[in-house]
Amino acid sequence: MFIATAVSVKNARTLGFRVSSVLLLSLIAAHYLNLFGMVFLESGYRFPIEAFLILSTSGLFILMSNSFIYRKLEASYPFSTKLRERVILQICGVAASSGLVCTLVYLFATTVFTEYHSFQSFTFFLIICFFLSCSEALLMILARIYYLQKAQQPGPQTINSPGAIQEPELFIKSKKDILRLSQDQVALIYSSQGVVVVMDSEATKYITQYTSLNEIREFLTATDFFRVSRQVTVNRNTIAHLENEANGRVRILLKSKFREFGRPIYTSRHKSKELWKWFAAEELHQAG
């Protein structure tokens, strides 16, 4: 409950800041355009409602469409394996969506508030929307590529084992620092309200910069981690035992240290056999 509340507050603050920034910039830009006569030429001052409506609505849509397209493409076109296709689809998607909305908003605003139409003003607004949408998309892409490169950098090797192969590590951005967790330190990973939360081996929870479990699947080995559902991935060492439930489902009971996770973990009947086989494989290995 605490983590869910913290995530909600964090998301609300981030969304509020972004919306406020869009409205403020739209207000400034609308007055700037009206001052230099680039939108609607009229004598005397009046609030530039047309320009403000177009800029603010288009700006808010750009924020939402960029985030939506980013999440939709993440599962099918991960940056780690399909970088070129992902960048092209991301840029084309946000450019097309922002252009469509800018056109609709502009036609609505000029039809309702004034009968004056200008191809020059429409083209100018369209270019602004394209520039803003593509710029934000590029920033999101560059930030993601930066974290992937950080994650792929090998850690320092010990003196006792020169040239040893380093196991994959999970990188979590915490304020200005980057926390590095080995696979043994990761107990549970789950998604809550669009944010990925990691619980370490000491049952400490970290709100990460990731938005989907698909973004971190490449850093987890299949022998130690099992993807229970779209929202939960669990480490083998976190599980106390498994229980069969009705309808062929399997319930995963965690060790006492991790019970504060606070909600039952079930796998579907389609994954139940796979889960039992995965969990039994390690027990047979230890017995042998």
Foldseek 3Di string as FASTA:
>chain_A
DVVLVVVVVVVVVVVVVQLVVQLVVQQVVLVVCVVVVQAPDDPDDDRSVLSSQLSSVLSVVLVVQLVVLVVVCCQVAPCVPRVPVSLVCSLVRSLVVSLVSSVVSNVVSCVVPHVDDDPRNSVVSSVVSSVVSNVVNVVVSVVLVVVVVVQPDDDDDDPVDPPDDDAGWDWFDDPPDIDTHAQQQWFKWFAHPQWIWTQTPQRDIDTGPHRFPSNCPVRDDPLQWDCQDRTIIGGLQQFPDWDADPPQKIWTDGPPSNPVVPDTGIHHNVCNVVVVVSNVVVVVVVVD
